[in-house]
Amino acid sequence: MLKTARRVIAFFVIGALIIVLTSSTSIAENQHSTSLDDGNAAAMIADFIFVRPLGNVAIATGAAFFTISMPFSALGGNFKQSVRKLVVEPFKFTWIRPLGKGI
């Protein structure tokens, strides 16, 4: 009984971690679409200090989850979509976007 309870708790904890960690890409995308686009100095500083490091975390998290889910996405037929959402979009948001734009 105790062994089963531990497995159930571990399952829910892992599920909660997956949800929290994968939401960072949607938060970054939401910030991209709803923030200032004038590119002033304050936005550039905030982008450099806060947003870019969070983008790097989103890239690493997305790449890790993509690696784990790769067999399932290949079997499900959405391999390209999963790599685009989990790796490419966070990469473009962090490294391709001009400093201070879209935060």
N, C-alpha and C. Protein backbone atom coordinates (compact mmCIF):
# COMPACT_ATOMS: atom_id res chain seq x y z
N MET A 1 0.83 -1.19 0.00
CA MET A 1 0.00 0.00 0.00
C MET A 1 0.87 1.26 0.00
N LEU A 2 1.89 1.27 0.85
CA LEU A 2 2.78 2.43 0.95
C LEU A 2 3.57 2.61 -0.34
N LYS A 3 3.95 1.50 -0.95
CA LYS A 3 4.70 1.55 -2.20
C LYS A 3 3.86 2.17 -3.32
N THR A 4 2.60 1.81 -3.38
CA THR A 4 1.69 2.36 -4.39
C THR A 4 1.46 3.84 -4.15
N ALA A 5 1.31 4.24 -2.90
CA ALA A 5 1.11 5.65 -2.58
C ALA A 5 2.32 6.48 -2.98
N ARG A 6 3.51 5.96 -2.77
CA ARG A 6 4.73 6.67 -3.17
C ARG A 6 4.78 6.83 -4.69
N ARG A 7 4.39 5.82 -5.41
CA ARG A 7 4.40 5.90 -6.88
C ARG A 7 3.39 6.94 -7.37
N VAL A 8 2.22 6.96 -6.76
CA VAL A 8 1.19 7.92 -7.17
C VAL A 8 1.67 9.35 -6.88
N ILE A 9 2.25 9.57 -5.72
CA ILE A 9 2.76 10.89 -5.36
C ILE A 9 3.89 11.29 -6.31
N ALA A 10 4.79 10.37 -6.60
CA ALA A 10 5.88 10.66 -7.52
C ALA A 10 5.34 11.00 -8.90
N PHE A 11 4.33 10.30 -9.36
CA PHE A 11 3.72 10.57 -10.65
C PHE A 11 3.16 12.00 -10.70
N PHE A 12 2.44 12.41 -9.66
CA PHE A 12 1.86 13.74 -9.65
C PHE A 12 2.92 14.83 -9.51
N VAL A 13 3.96 14.58 -8.75
CA VAL A 13 5.03 15.57 -8.62
C VAL A 13 5.76 15.75 -9.96
N ILE A 14 6.05 14.67 -10.63
CA ILE A 14 6.71 14.75 -11.94
C ILE A 14 5.80 15.45 -12.94
N GLY A 15 4.53 15.15 -12.92
CA GLY A 15 3.59 15.82 -13.81
C GLY A 15 3.51 17.31 -13.56
N ALA A 16 3.50 17.70 -12.28
CA ALA A 16 3.47 19.13 -11.94
C ALA A 16 4.74 19.82 -12.39
N LEU A 17 5.88 19.18 -12.22
CA LEU A 17 7.14 19.77 -12.68
C LEU A 17 7.16 19.95 -14.19
N ILE A 18 6.65 18.99 -14.91
CA ILE A 18 6.61 19.10 -16.37
C ILE A 18 5.74 20.29 -16.78
N ILE A 19 4.59 20.44 -16.14
CA ILE A 19 3.70 21.55 -16.48
C ILE A 19 4.36 22.89 -16.16
N VAL A 20 4.99 23.00 -15.01
CA VAL A 20 5.63 24.26 -14.62
C VAL A 20 6.80 24.58 -15.54
N LEU A 21 7.61 23.62 -15.85
CA LEU A 21 8.79 23.88 -16.67
C LEU A 21 8.45 24.17 -18.12
N THR A 22 7.43 23.55 -18.66
CA THR A 22 7.07 23.81 -20.05
C THR A 22 6.28 25.09 -20.21
N SER A 23 5.75 25.63 -19.13
CA SER A 23 5.00 26.88 -19.26
C SER A 23 5.93 28.07 -19.46
N SER A 24 7.23 27.91 -19.24
CA SER A 24 8.14 29.04 -19.42
C SER A 24 8.17 29.52 -20.87
N THR A 25 8.01 28.61 -21.83
CA THR A 25 7.99 29.05 -23.23
C THR A 25 6.72 29.82 -23.54
N SER A 26 5.60 29.42 -22.96
CA SER A 26 4.38 30.18 -23.22
C SER A 26 4.42 31.53 -22.53
N ILE A 27 5.06 31.62 -21.38
CA ILE A 27 5.21 32.91 -20.70
C ILE A 27 6.08 33.82 -21.54
N ALA A 28 7.17 33.29 -22.08
CA ALA A 28 8.04 34.11 -22.92
C ALA A 28 7.31 34.57 -24.17
N GLU A 29 6.51 33.71 -24.77
CA GLU A 29 5.76 34.11 -25.95
C GLU A 29 4.71 35.16 -25.61
N ASN A 30 4.07 35.01 -24.46
CA ASN A 30 3.07 35.99 -24.04
C ASN A 30 3.73 37.34 -23.78
N GLN A 31 4.88 37.37 -23.16
CA GLN A 31 5.59 38.62 -22.92
C GLN A 31 6.00 39.24 -24.25
N HIS A 32 6.35 38.42 -25.20
CA HIS A 32 6.76 38.91 -26.51
C HIS A 32 5.61 39.66 -27.19
N SER A 33 4.40 39.19 -27.06
CA SER A 33 3.30 39.76 -27.82
C SER A 33 2.60 40.90 -27.09
N THR A 34 2.83 41.10 -25.79
CA THR A 34 2.05 42.09 -25.06
C THR A 34 2.88 43.22 -24.48
N SER A 35 4.15 43.34 -24.80
CA SER A 35 4.98 44.34 -24.16
C SER A 35 5.32 45.49 -25.09
N LEU A 36 6.17 46.36 -24.60
CA LEU A 36 6.59 47.53 -25.37
C LEU A 36 7.41 47.12 -26.57
N ASP A 37 7.27 47.87 -27.66
CA ASP A 37 8.04 47.60 -28.86
C ASP A 37 8.85 48.81 -29.30
N ASP A 38 9.05 49.79 -28.43
CA ASP A 38 9.75 51.00 -28.85
C ASP A 38 11.26 50.88 -28.78
N GLY A 39 11.81 49.91 -28.07
CA GLY A 39 13.24 49.68 -28.03
C GLY A 39 14.02 50.75 -27.28
N ASN A 40 13.44 51.31 -26.23
CA ASN A 40 14.15 52.34 -25.47
C ASN A 40 15.21 51.71 -24.58
N ALA A 41 16.02 52.55 -23.94
CA ALA A 41 17.15 52.06 -23.15
C ALA A 41 16.70 51.20 -21.97
N ALA A 42 15.63 51.59 -21.30
CA ALA A 42 15.15 50.81 -20.15
C ALA A 42 14.69 49.42 -20.60
N ALA A 43 14.02 49.36 -21.75
CA ALA A 43 13.58 48.06 -22.26
C ALA A 43 14.78 47.20 -22.64
N MET A 44 15.82 47.81 -23.19
CA MET A 44 17.02 47.05 -23.56
C MET A 44 17.73 46.51 -22.32
N ILE A 45 17.81 47.32 -21.29
CA ILE A 45 18.46 46.87 -20.04
C ILE A 45 17.66 45.74 -19.42
N ALA A 46 16.34 45.91 -19.33
CA ALA A 46 15.49 44.86 -18.75
C ALA A 46 15.57 43.59 -19.57
N ASP A 47 15.62 43.75 -20.88
CA ASP A 47 15.74 42.58 -21.75
C ASP A 47 17.05 41.85 -21.50
N PHE A 48 18.13 42.58 -21.43
CA PHE A 48 19.45 41.98 -21.23
C PHE A 48 19.59 41.32 -19.87
N ILE A 49 19.07 41.96 -18.81
CA ILE A 49 19.27 41.46 -17.45
C ILE A 49 18.28 40.36 -17.08
N PHE A 50 17.02 40.51 -17.48
CA PHE A 50 15.99 39.59 -17.01
C PHE A 50 15.47 38.62 -18.07
N VAL A 51 15.12 39.14 -19.24
CA VAL A 51 14.40 38.33 -20.22
C VAL A 51 15.32 37.36 -20.94
N ARG A 52 16.50 37.80 -21.34
CA ARG A 52 17.41 36.90 -22.06
C ARG A 52 17.84 35.69 -21.22
N PRO A 53 18.19 35.88 -19.94
CA PRO A 53 18.51 34.69 -19.14
C PRO A 53 17.32 33.74 -19.00
N LEU A 54 16.10 34.28 -18.87
CA LEU A 54 14.92 33.41 -18.83
C LEU A 54 14.72 32.70 -20.16
N GLY A 55 15.06 33.37 -21.25
CA GLY A 55 14.98 32.73 -22.55
C GLY A 55 15.96 31.57 -22.67
N ASN A 56 17.14 31.74 -22.10
CA ASN A 56 18.12 30.63 -22.12
C ASN A 56 17.62 29.46 -21.30
N VAL A 57 16.96 29.74 -20.19
CA VAL A 57 16.36 28.66 -19.39
C VAL A 57 15.26 27.98 -20.20
N ALA A 58 14.47 28.76 -20.92
CA ALA A 58 13.40 28.17 -21.75
C ALA A 58 13.98 27.29 -22.85
N ILE A 59 15.10 27.71 -23.43
CA ILE A 59 15.75 26.89 -24.46
C ILE A 59 16.22 25.56 -23.88
N ALA A 60 16.89 25.61 -22.74
CA ALA A 60 17.41 24.39 -22.12
C ALA A 60 16.27 23.46 -21.69
N THR A 61 15.23 24.04 -21.10
CA THR A 61 14.09 23.24 -20.67
C THR A 61 13.37 22.62 -21.86
N GLY A 62 13.15 23.43 -22.89
CA GLY A 62 12.49 22.91 -24.08
C GLY A 62 13.29 21.83 -24.77
N ALA A 63 14.62 22.01 -24.83
CA ALA A 63 15.47 20.99 -25.45
C ALA A 63 15.44 19.69 -24.65
N ALA A 64 15.44 19.81 -23.33
CA ALA A 64 15.38 18.60 -22.49
C ALA A 64 14.06 17.86 -22.69
N PHE A 65 12.96 18.59 -22.67
CA PHE A 65 11.67 17.94 -22.86
C PHE A 65 11.49 17.43 -24.28
N PHE A 66 12.06 18.12 -25.25
CA PHE A 66 12.01 17.62 -26.62
C PHE A 66 12.76 16.29 -26.73
N THR A 67 13.93 16.22 -26.11
CA THR A 67 14.72 15.00 -26.15
C THR A 67 13.96 13.84 -25.51
N ILE A 68 13.30 14.12 -24.40
CA ILE A 68 12.54 13.07 -23.71
C ILE A 68 11.32 12.65 -24.53
N SER A 69 10.65 13.62 -25.16
CA SER A 69 9.41 13.32 -25.87
C SER A 69 9.61 12.97 -27.34
N MET A 70 10.85 12.96 -27.81
CA MET A 70 11.13 12.72 -29.22
C MET A 70 10.51 11.42 -29.76
N PRO A 71 10.64 10.29 -29.08
CA PRO A 71 10.03 9.08 -29.64
C PRO A 71 8.51 9.18 -29.75
N PHE A 72 7.89 9.84 -28.78
CA PHE A 72 6.43 9.96 -28.79
C PHE A 72 5.96 10.91 -29.88
N SER A 73 6.69 12.00 -30.08
CA SER A 73 6.29 12.93 -31.13
C SER A 73 6.55 12.33 -32.52
N ALA A 74 7.59 11.53 -32.64
CA ALA A 74 7.84 10.87 -33.93
C ALA A 74 6.73 9.86 -34.23
N LEU A 75 6.32 9.11 -33.23
CA LEU A 75 5.23 8.15 -33.44
C LEU A 75 3.90 8.86 -33.68
N GLY A 76 3.72 10.02 -33.06
CA GLY A 76 2.47 10.76 -33.21
C GLY A 76 2.40 11.60 -34.47
N GLY A 77 3.51 11.74 -35.17
CA GLY A 77 3.51 12.48 -36.42
C GLY A 77 3.63 13.98 -36.26
N ASN A 78 4.02 14.46 -35.08
CA ASN A 78 4.17 15.90 -34.89
C ASN A 78 5.59 16.27 -34.47
N PHE A 79 6.55 15.62 -35.08
CA PHE A 79 7.95 15.84 -34.75
C PHE A 79 8.37 17.28 -35.05
N LYS A 80 8.05 17.76 -36.25
CA LYS A 80 8.45 19.12 -36.64
C LYS A 80 7.79 20.18 -35.76
N GLN A 81 6.53 19.97 -35.44
CA GLN A 81 5.83 20.92 -34.60
C GLN A 81 6.43 20.96 -33.19
N SER A 82 6.79 19.80 -32.65
CA SER A 82 7.35 19.78 -31.30
C SER A 82 8.73 20.42 -31.25
N VAL A 83 9.57 20.20 -32.26
CA VAL A 83 10.88 20.84 -32.26
C VAL A 83 10.74 22.34 -32.44
N ARG A 84 9.76 22.76 -33.25
CA ARG A 84 9.55 24.19 -33.46
C ARG A 84 9.09 24.88 -32.17
N LYS A 85 8.11 24.30 -31.48
CA LYS A 85 7.56 24.92 -30.28
C LYS A 85 8.51 24.83 -29.09
N LEU A 86 9.22 23.72 -28.94
CA LEU A 86 10.05 23.52 -27.75
C LEU A 86 11.47 24.06 -27.87
N VAL A 87 12.00 24.16 -29.09
CA VAL A 87 13.40 24.56 -29.25
C VAL A 87 13.55 25.81 -30.12
N VAL A 88 12.97 25.80 -31.31
CA VAL A 88 13.22 26.88 -32.27
C VAL A 88 12.63 28.20 -31.82
N GLU A 89 11.37 28.21 -31.40
CA GLU A 89 10.75 29.48 -30.98
C GLU A 89 11.44 30.11 -29.77
N PRO A 90 11.77 29.36 -28.71
CA PRO A 90 12.53 29.99 -27.63
C PRO A 90 13.91 30.49 -28.07
N PHE A 91 14.55 29.75 -29.00
CA PHE A 91 15.85 30.18 -29.49
C PHE A 91 15.73 31.51 -30.24
N LYS A 92 14.74 31.61 -31.12
CA LYS A 92 14.55 32.86 -31.87
C LYS A 92 14.20 34.01 -30.94
N PHE A 93 13.37 33.75 -29.93
CA PHE A 93 13.00 34.80 -28.99
C PHE A 93 14.22 35.30 -28.23
N THR A 94 15.12 34.39 -27.87
CA THR A 94 16.27 34.77 -27.06
C THR A 94 17.41 35.35 -27.89
N TRP A 95 17.72 34.78 -29.03
CA TRP A 95 18.94 35.15 -29.74
C TRP A 95 18.74 35.91 -31.04
N ILE A 96 17.62 35.78 -31.71
CA ILE A 96 17.42 36.43 -33.00
C ILE A 96 16.76 37.81 -32.85
N ARG A 97 15.86 37.94 -31.91
CA ARG A 97 15.11 39.17 -31.70
C ARG A 97 16.04 40.31 -31.29
N PRO A 98 15.82 41.53 -31.81
CA PRO A 98 16.65 42.68 -31.42
C PRO A 98 16.50 42.99 -29.92
N LEU A 99 17.56 43.47 -29.33
CA LEU A 99 17.58 43.78 -27.91
C LEU A 99 16.56 44.85 -27.59
N GLY A 100 15.68 44.58 -26.63
CA GLY A 100 14.67 45.54 -26.20
C GLY A 100 13.39 45.50 -26.98
N LYS A 101 13.31 44.73 -28.03
CA LYS A 101 12.08 44.63 -28.85
C LYS A 101 11.25 43.46 -28.39
N GLY A 102 9.98 43.71 -28.20
CA GLY A 102 9.03 42.63 -27.93
C GLY A 102 9.05 42.10 -26.51
N ILE A 103 9.57 42.84 -25.56
CA ILE A 103 9.53 42.33 -24.18
C ILE A 103 8.37 42.93 -23.44
